[in-house]
Amino acid sequence: MNGDRLLSKLVKEEPKREENAADVTLPDYTGPYEAYSRAANQAVYSLHVLLGPDELRSFQYAHLDSDSTLKIAAGGQVIVLRFRGTRTTEVTLRGRNLRYMYDLLHQHRLPWIARADRDFPDGAGKKPIVTHIVFEEIKEPDRG
């Protein structure tokens, strides 16, 4: 019977899975630049900040402070995030077309973001680019 062969073929073959964005590994620096990972389908636990092929810094999303900003600045946009772990660290991201990334960061759905090793011409389209990442340890005032 044709139906039986089709059914047995369907049962024996493993269905092709789409790669789950939550399973995404860190990017391969030999490929084209991407400012951030694909958005995960659900919240992830940590954010990896890639500063080049040999440098990486990570933060737990549980430590992300709710008072973050996205501002328009000369030449693009600036995102300021604060992570309040054992130390308070302010992370400043500069670049262009970062609004969607800002939203995904606050949804805790980006496993990684990456700084570009160079700037791209303004005519490069609407692709996001992170041109600068700066970390600053913030001294909390004494509350005693």
N, C-alpha and C. Protein backbone atom coordinates (compact mmCIF):
# COMPACT_ATOMS: atom_id res chain seq x y z
N MET A 1 0.83 -1.19 0.00
CA MET A 1 0.00 0.00 0.00
C MET A 1 0.87 1.24 0.00
N ASN A 2 0.49 2.15 -0.83
CA ASN A 2 1.25 3.40 -0.93
C ASN A 2 1.24 4.18 0.37
N GLY A 3 0.09 4.23 1.04
CA GLY A 3 -0.04 4.99 2.28
C GLY A 3 0.87 4.46 3.37
N ASP A 4 1.01 3.12 3.44
CA ASP A 4 1.87 2.52 4.47
C ASP A 4 3.33 2.88 4.24
N ARG A 5 3.77 2.86 2.96
CA ARG A 5 5.16 3.20 2.68
C ARG A 5 5.44 4.67 3.01
N LEU A 6 4.50 5.51 2.69
CA LEU A 6 4.66 6.93 3.00
C LEU A 6 4.73 7.14 4.50
N LEU A 7 3.84 6.50 5.23
CA LEU A 7 3.82 6.63 6.68
C LEU A 7 5.12 6.11 7.29
N SER A 8 5.60 4.95 6.81
CA SER A 8 6.83 4.40 7.38
C SER A 8 8.02 5.29 7.04
N LYS A 9 8.00 5.89 5.86
CA LYS A 9 9.08 6.80 5.48
C LYS A 9 9.06 8.04 6.37
N LEU A 10 7.87 8.58 6.62
CA LEU A 10 7.77 9.76 7.48
C LEU A 10 8.21 9.46 8.90
N VAL A 11 7.87 8.28 9.40
CA VAL A 11 8.22 7.91 10.78
C VAL A 11 9.72 7.68 10.91
N LYS A 12 10.35 7.09 9.90
CA LYS A 12 11.78 6.79 9.97
C LYS A 12 12.65 8.03 9.81
N GLU A 13 12.20 8.97 9.00
CA GLU A 13 13.00 10.17 8.79
C GLU A 13 12.80 11.15 9.93
N GLU A 14 13.89 11.64 10.45
CA GLU A 14 13.80 12.64 11.50
C GLU A 14 13.48 13.98 10.85
N PRO A 15 12.49 14.70 11.37
CA PRO A 15 12.15 15.99 10.75
C PRO A 15 13.32 16.97 10.89
N LYS A 16 13.46 17.81 9.89
CA LYS A 16 14.51 18.84 9.94
C LYS A 16 14.11 19.88 10.96
N ARG A 17 15.05 20.19 11.85
CA ARG A 17 14.79 21.20 12.87
C ARG A 17 15.39 22.51 12.44
N GLU A 18 14.64 23.58 12.67
CA GLU A 18 15.23 24.89 12.49
C GLU A 18 16.10 25.15 13.70
N GLU A 19 17.21 25.82 13.49
CA GLU A 19 18.08 26.15 14.61
C GLU A 19 17.34 27.06 15.57
N ASN A 20 17.30 26.68 16.83
CA ASN A 20 16.66 27.49 17.85
C ASN A 20 17.61 28.63 18.21
N ALA A 21 17.11 29.84 18.19
CA ALA A 21 17.96 31.01 18.46
C ALA A 21 18.59 30.93 19.85
N ALA A 22 17.94 30.25 20.79
CA ALA A 22 18.50 30.14 22.13
C ALA A 22 19.75 29.25 22.13
N ASP A 23 19.90 28.40 21.10
CA ASP A 23 21.04 27.51 21.00
C ASP A 23 22.22 28.13 20.24
N VAL A 24 22.08 29.37 19.83
CA VAL A 24 23.10 30.01 19.01
C VAL A 24 24.39 30.14 19.81
N THR A 25 25.48 29.80 19.17
CA THR A 25 26.78 29.95 19.81
C THR A 25 27.35 31.32 19.46
N LEU A 26 28.50 31.61 20.01
CA LEU A 26 29.15 32.88 19.71
C LEU A 26 29.51 32.93 18.23
N PRO A 27 29.56 34.12 17.65
CA PRO A 27 29.77 34.22 16.21
C PRO A 27 31.19 33.85 15.78
N ASP A 28 31.29 33.49 14.53
CA ASP A 28 32.56 33.19 13.91
C ASP A 28 33.09 34.49 13.30
N TYR A 29 34.22 34.95 13.76
CA TYR A 29 34.73 36.24 13.30
C TYR A 29 35.25 36.21 11.87
N THR A 30 35.28 35.05 11.25
CA THR A 30 35.72 34.99 9.86
C THR A 30 34.57 35.32 8.90
N GLY A 31 33.34 35.32 9.40
CA GLY A 31 32.18 35.62 8.57
C GLY A 31 31.87 37.11 8.55
N PRO A 32 30.78 37.49 7.92
CA PRO A 32 30.41 38.91 7.87
C PRO A 32 30.00 39.41 9.26
N TYR A 33 30.17 40.70 9.49
CA TYR A 33 29.86 41.31 10.78
C TYR A 33 28.36 41.30 11.04
N GLU A 34 28.00 40.96 12.25
CA GLU A 34 26.63 41.08 12.76
C GLU A 34 26.73 41.80 14.09
N ALA A 35 25.87 42.80 14.32
CA ALA A 35 25.91 43.57 15.56
C ALA A 35 25.42 42.76 16.76
N TYR A 36 24.50 41.85 16.52
CA TYR A 36 23.97 41.03 17.61
C TYR A 36 23.40 39.74 17.06
N SER A 37 23.18 38.80 17.99
CA SER A 37 22.65 37.49 17.63
C SER A 37 21.20 37.59 17.21
N ARG A 38 20.71 36.52 16.63
CA ARG A 38 19.28 36.45 16.39
C ARG A 38 18.58 36.45 17.74
N ALA A 39 17.39 37.00 17.77
CA ALA A 39 16.64 37.05 19.02
C ALA A 39 16.22 35.65 19.43
N ALA A 40 16.42 35.33 20.69
CA ALA A 40 15.97 34.05 21.22
C ALA A 40 14.45 34.07 21.34
N ASN A 41 13.85 32.89 21.30
CA ASN A 41 12.39 32.79 21.41
C ASN A 41 11.91 33.09 22.83
N GLN A 42 12.81 32.97 23.78
CA GLN A 42 12.47 33.25 25.18
C GLN A 42 13.68 33.88 25.85
N ALA A 43 13.49 34.32 27.04
CA ALA A 43 14.57 35.01 27.76
C ALA A 43 15.79 34.10 27.93
N VAL A 44 16.98 34.73 27.84
CA VAL A 44 18.22 34.01 28.08
C VAL A 44 18.83 34.56 29.38
N TYR A 45 19.81 33.86 29.93
CA TYR A 45 20.34 34.22 31.24
C TYR A 45 21.47 35.24 31.20
N SER A 46 22.27 35.20 30.15
CA SER A 46 23.43 36.08 30.14
C SER A 46 23.61 36.76 28.80
N LEU A 47 24.33 37.87 28.85
CA LEU A 47 24.66 38.65 27.67
C LEU A 47 26.17 38.64 27.53
N HIS A 48 26.67 38.18 26.38
CA HIS A 48 28.10 38.20 26.09
C HIS A 48 28.37 39.41 25.22
N VAL A 49 29.35 40.20 25.60
CA VAL A 49 29.74 41.39 24.86
C VAL A 49 31.08 41.08 24.20
N LEU A 50 31.05 40.97 22.88
CA LEU A 50 32.25 40.60 22.12
C LEU A 50 32.97 41.86 21.66
N LEU A 51 34.24 41.95 22.04
CA LEU A 51 35.05 43.13 21.73
C LEU A 51 36.06 42.85 20.63
N GLY A 52 36.03 41.68 20.07
CA GLY A 52 36.96 41.24 19.04
C GLY A 52 37.11 39.75 19.15
N PRO A 53 37.89 39.14 18.29
CA PRO A 53 38.00 37.68 18.31
C PRO A 53 38.66 37.13 19.57
N ASP A 54 39.39 37.96 20.31
CA ASP A 54 40.11 37.47 21.48
C ASP A 54 39.66 38.09 22.80
N GLU A 55 38.56 38.84 22.79
CA GLU A 55 38.13 39.49 24.04
C GLU A 55 36.61 39.45 24.14
N LEU A 56 36.15 39.06 25.32
CA LEU A 56 34.73 38.88 25.57
C LEU A 56 34.46 39.19 27.04
N ARG A 57 33.34 39.85 27.29
CA ARG A 57 32.93 40.15 28.66
C ARG A 57 31.46 39.76 28.79
N SER A 58 31.08 39.17 29.91
CA SER A 58 29.72 38.67 30.06
C SER A 58 29.04 39.24 31.29
N PHE A 59 27.72 39.40 31.20
CA PHE A 59 26.89 39.92 32.28
C PHE A 59 25.65 39.05 32.40
N GLN A 60 25.16 38.94 33.62
CA GLN A 60 23.91 38.22 33.85
C GLN A 60 22.75 39.19 33.67
N TYR A 61 21.75 38.79 32.89
CA TYR A 61 20.59 39.66 32.68
C TYR A 61 19.87 39.96 34.00
N ALA A 62 19.97 39.07 34.98
CA ALA A 62 19.32 39.32 36.28
C ALA A 62 19.87 40.59 36.94
N HIS A 63 21.07 41.00 36.55
CA HIS A 63 21.70 42.20 37.13
C HIS A 63 21.45 43.47 36.32
N LEU A 64 20.73 43.36 35.21
CA LEU A 64 20.45 44.54 34.38
C LEU A 64 19.50 45.47 35.11
N ASP A 65 19.94 46.70 35.34
CA ASP A 65 19.13 47.71 36.00
C ASP A 65 18.02 48.15 35.06
N SER A 66 16.89 48.54 35.60
CA SER A 66 15.76 48.93 34.77
C SER A 66 15.89 50.35 34.21
N ASP A 67 16.84 51.12 34.70
CA ASP A 67 17.00 52.50 34.24
C ASP A 67 18.08 52.58 33.17
N SER A 68 17.71 52.26 31.94
CA SER A 68 18.64 52.32 30.81
C SER A 68 18.17 53.41 29.85
N THR A 69 19.05 53.81 28.94
CA THR A 69 18.66 54.86 28.00
C THR A 69 19.10 54.53 26.58
N LEU A 70 18.35 55.06 25.64
CA LEU A 70 18.70 55.07 24.22
C LEU A 70 18.57 56.52 23.79
N LYS A 71 19.66 57.10 23.33
CA LYS A 71 19.66 58.51 22.92
C LYS A 71 20.20 58.64 21.51
N ILE A 72 19.70 59.65 20.83
CA ILE A 72 20.25 60.01 19.52
C ILE A 72 21.45 60.90 19.78
N ALA A 73 22.55 60.63 19.11
CA ALA A 73 23.78 61.40 19.29
C ALA A 73 24.37 61.68 17.91
N ALA A 74 25.38 62.50 17.89
CA ALA A 74 26.05 62.80 16.62
C ALA A 74 26.55 61.49 16.00
N GLY A 75 26.15 61.25 14.79
CA GLY A 75 26.62 60.06 14.09
C GLY A 75 25.90 58.77 14.42
N GLY A 76 24.85 58.82 15.22
CA GLY A 76 24.14 57.57 15.51
C GLY A 76 23.37 57.60 16.80
N GLN A 77 23.48 56.51 17.53
CA GLN A 77 22.73 56.33 18.77
C GLN A 77 23.65 55.85 19.88
N VAL A 78 23.20 56.08 21.11
CA VAL A 78 23.96 55.66 22.28
C VAL A 78 23.00 54.92 23.22
N ILE A 79 23.38 53.72 23.61
CA ILE A 79 22.64 52.95 24.61
C ILE A 79 23.49 52.90 25.86
N VAL A 80 22.88 53.19 27.00
CA VAL A 80 23.59 53.08 28.28
C VAL A 80 22.83 52.08 29.14
N LEU A 81 23.55 51.02 29.56
CA LEU A 81 23.00 49.97 30.41
C LEU A 81 23.80 49.94 31.70
N ARG A 82 23.17 49.54 32.78
CA ARG A 82 23.89 49.33 34.05
C ARG A 82 23.60 47.94 34.56
N PHE A 83 24.66 47.26 34.92
CA PHE A 83 24.55 45.94 35.53
C PHE A 83 25.00 46.07 36.97
N ARG A 84 24.14 45.68 37.89
CA ARG A 84 24.42 45.82 39.33
C ARG A 84 24.66 44.45 39.96
N GLY A 85 25.86 43.93 39.75
CA GLY A 85 26.26 42.66 40.36
C GLY A 85 27.05 42.96 41.62
N THR A 86 28.19 42.29 41.81
CA THR A 86 29.04 42.60 42.96
C THR A 86 29.62 44.00 42.83
N ARG A 87 29.72 44.47 41.58
CA ARG A 87 30.08 45.85 41.27
C ARG A 87 29.04 46.37 40.29
N THR A 88 28.87 47.67 40.26
CA THR A 88 27.98 48.28 39.27
C THR A 88 28.83 48.67 38.07
N THR A 89 28.46 48.14 36.91
CA THR A 89 29.18 48.43 35.68
C THR A 89 28.24 49.08 34.69
N GLU A 90 28.66 50.24 34.19
CA GLU A 90 27.90 50.92 33.15
C GLU A 90 28.50 50.53 31.81
N VAL A 91 27.64 50.10 30.89
CA VAL A 91 28.06 49.70 29.56
C VAL A 91 27.46 50.69 28.57
N THR A 92 28.32 51.38 27.83
CA THR A 92 27.87 52.35 26.84
C THR A 92 28.16 51.79 25.44
N LEU A 93 27.10 51.70 24.65
CA LEU A 93 27.19 51.20 23.28
C LEU A 93 26.91 52.35 22.34
N ARG A 94 27.78 52.56 21.37
CA ARG A 94 27.56 53.59 20.35
C ARG A 94 27.49 52.92 19.00
N GLY A 95 26.60 53.42 18.15
CA GLY A 95 26.48 52.86 16.82
C GLY A 95 25.29 53.45 16.08
N ARG A 96 24.80 52.68 15.12
CA ARG A 96 23.66 53.13 14.31
C ARG A 96 22.64 52.01 14.22
N ASN A 97 21.38 52.42 14.07
CA ASN A 97 20.27 51.49 13.90
C ASN A 97 20.18 50.49 15.06
N LEU A 98 20.23 51.02 16.28
CA LEU A 98 20.27 50.19 17.48
C LEU A 98 18.94 50.08 18.22
N ARG A 99 17.89 50.68 17.72
CA ARG A 99 16.63 50.71 18.45
C ARG A 99 16.07 49.31 18.71
N TYR A 100 16.06 48.46 17.71
CA TYR A 100 15.54 47.10 17.88
C TYR A 100 16.41 46.32 18.87
N MET A 101 17.73 46.50 18.79
CA MET A 101 18.63 45.84 19.72
C MET A 101 18.33 46.27 21.15
N TYR A 102 18.06 47.55 21.35
CA TYR A 102 17.72 48.08 22.68
C TYR A 102 16.49 47.36 23.24
N ASP A 103 15.48 47.20 22.42
CA ASP A 103 14.26 46.51 22.85
C ASP A 103 14.56 45.06 23.20
N LEU A 104 15.32 44.36 22.37
CA LEU A 104 15.64 42.96 22.64
C LEU A 104 16.50 42.79 23.90
N LEU A 105 17.38 43.75 24.17
CA LEU A 105 18.17 43.68 25.40
C LEU A 105 17.27 43.72 26.62
N HIS A 106 16.26 44.56 26.59
CA HIS A 106 15.37 44.66 27.75
C HIS A 106 14.37 43.52 27.84
N GLN A 107 14.22 42.78 26.78
CA GLN A 107 13.43 41.56 26.83
C GLN A 107 14.29 40.36 27.21
N HIS A 108 15.60 40.59 27.41
CA HIS A 108 16.58 39.54 27.76
C HIS A 108 16.61 38.45 26.70
N ARG A 109 16.58 38.85 25.43
CA ARG A 109 16.50 37.87 24.35
C ARG A 109 17.72 37.86 23.43
N LEU A 110 18.78 38.59 23.80
CA LEU A 110 20.00 38.57 22.98
C LEU A 110 21.11 37.84 23.72
N PRO A 111 21.59 36.74 23.18
CA PRO A 111 22.72 36.04 23.81
C PRO A 111 24.03 36.81 23.68
N TRP A 112 24.22 37.57 22.59
CA TRP A 112 25.47 38.31 22.42
C TRP A 112 25.27 39.55 21.56
N ILE A 113 26.18 40.51 21.80
CA ILE A 113 26.31 41.69 20.93
C ILE A 113 27.79 41.81 20.60
N ALA A 114 28.10 42.44 19.47
CA ALA A 114 29.50 42.49 19.04
C ALA A 114 29.87 43.88 18.53
N ARG A 115 31.05 44.31 18.91
CA ARG A 115 31.61 45.55 18.40
C ARG A 115 32.25 45.26 17.04
N ALA A 116 32.03 46.16 16.09
CA ALA A 116 32.66 46.02 14.78
C ALA A 116 34.13 46.39 14.87
N ASP A 117 34.95 45.75 14.06
CA ASP A 117 36.38 46.07 14.07
C ASP A 117 36.68 47.30 13.23
N ARG A 118 35.66 47.82 12.54
CA ARG A 118 35.81 49.05 11.75
C ARG A 118 34.42 49.63 11.55
N ASP A 119 34.36 50.86 11.11
CA ASP A 119 33.07 51.48 10.80
C ASP A 119 32.75 51.18 9.34
N PHE A 120 31.48 51.24 9.03
CA PHE A 120 31.03 51.02 7.67
C PHE A 120 30.43 52.32 7.16
N PRO A 121 30.44 52.55 5.86
CA PRO A 121 29.89 53.81 5.34
C PRO A 121 28.42 53.96 5.70
N ASP A 122 27.99 55.21 5.86
CA ASP A 122 26.59 55.47 6.19
C ASP A 122 25.65 54.89 5.16
N GLY A 123 26.09 54.73 3.94
CA GLY A 123 25.24 54.18 2.90
C GLY A 123 25.12 52.67 2.95
N ALA A 124 25.56 52.04 4.03
CA ALA A 124 25.54 50.58 4.12
C ALA A 124 24.16 50.03 4.42
N GLY A 125 23.14 50.86 4.36
CA GLY A 125 21.79 50.39 4.59
C GLY A 125 21.35 50.59 6.03
N LYS A 126 20.32 49.89 6.39
CA LYS A 126 19.74 50.02 7.73
C LYS A 126 20.23 48.95 8.69
N LYS A 127 21.31 48.27 8.34
CA LYS A 127 21.84 47.25 9.23
C LYS A 127 22.40 47.90 10.49
N PRO A 128 22.19 47.28 11.65
CA PRO A 128 22.77 47.83 12.88
C PRO A 128 24.28 47.62 12.92
N ILE A 129 24.93 48.55 13.57
CA ILE A 129 26.37 48.45 13.77
C ILE A 129 26.70 49.04 15.14
N VAL A 130 27.53 48.34 15.89
CA VAL A 130 28.03 48.83 17.18
C VAL A 130 29.49 49.21 16.95
N THR A 131 29.77 50.50 17.01
CA THR A 131 31.12 50.98 16.71
C THR A 131 32.00 51.12 17.94
N HIS A 132 31.40 51.36 19.10
CA HIS A 132 32.17 51.54 20.34
C HIS A 132 31.44 50.88 21.50
N ILE A 133 32.20 50.26 22.37
CA ILE A 133 31.66 49.72 23.63
C ILE A 133 32.62 50.14 24.73
N VAL A 134 32.07 50.81 25.75
CA VAL A 134 32.89 51.28 26.87
C VAL A 134 32.30 50.76 28.16
N PHE A 135 33.15 50.24 29.04
CA PHE A 135 32.75 49.76 30.36
C PHE A 135 33.28 50.73 31.40
N GLU A 136 32.45 51.07 32.36
CA GLU A 136 32.90 51.96 33.43
C GLU A 136 32.33 51.43 34.75
N GLU A 137 33.24 51.20 35.71
CA GLU A 137 32.78 50.80 37.03
C GLU A 137 32.26 52.04 37.75
N ILE A 138 31.06 51.95 38.28
CA ILE A 138 30.39 53.06 38.95
C ILE A 138 30.52 52.87 40.46
N LYS A 139 31.06 53.86 41.11
CA LYS A 139 31.17 53.84 42.58
C LYS A 139 29.82 54.26 43.16
N GLU A 140 29.22 53.40 43.92
CA GLU A 140 27.93 53.70 44.54
C GLU A 140 28.16 54.61 45.75
N PRO A 141 27.28 55.59 45.96
CA PRO A 141 27.43 56.44 47.15
C PRO A 141 27.22 55.64 48.43
N ASP A 142 27.95 56.05 49.47
CA ASP A 142 27.81 55.38 50.77
C ASP A 142 26.44 55.70 51.35
N ARG A 143 25.67 54.69 51.67
CA ARG A 143 24.31 54.90 52.18
C ARG A 143 24.23 54.72 53.69
N GLY A 144 25.35 54.78 54.33
CA GLY A 144 25.40 54.53 55.75
C GLY A 144 25.17 55.68 56.62
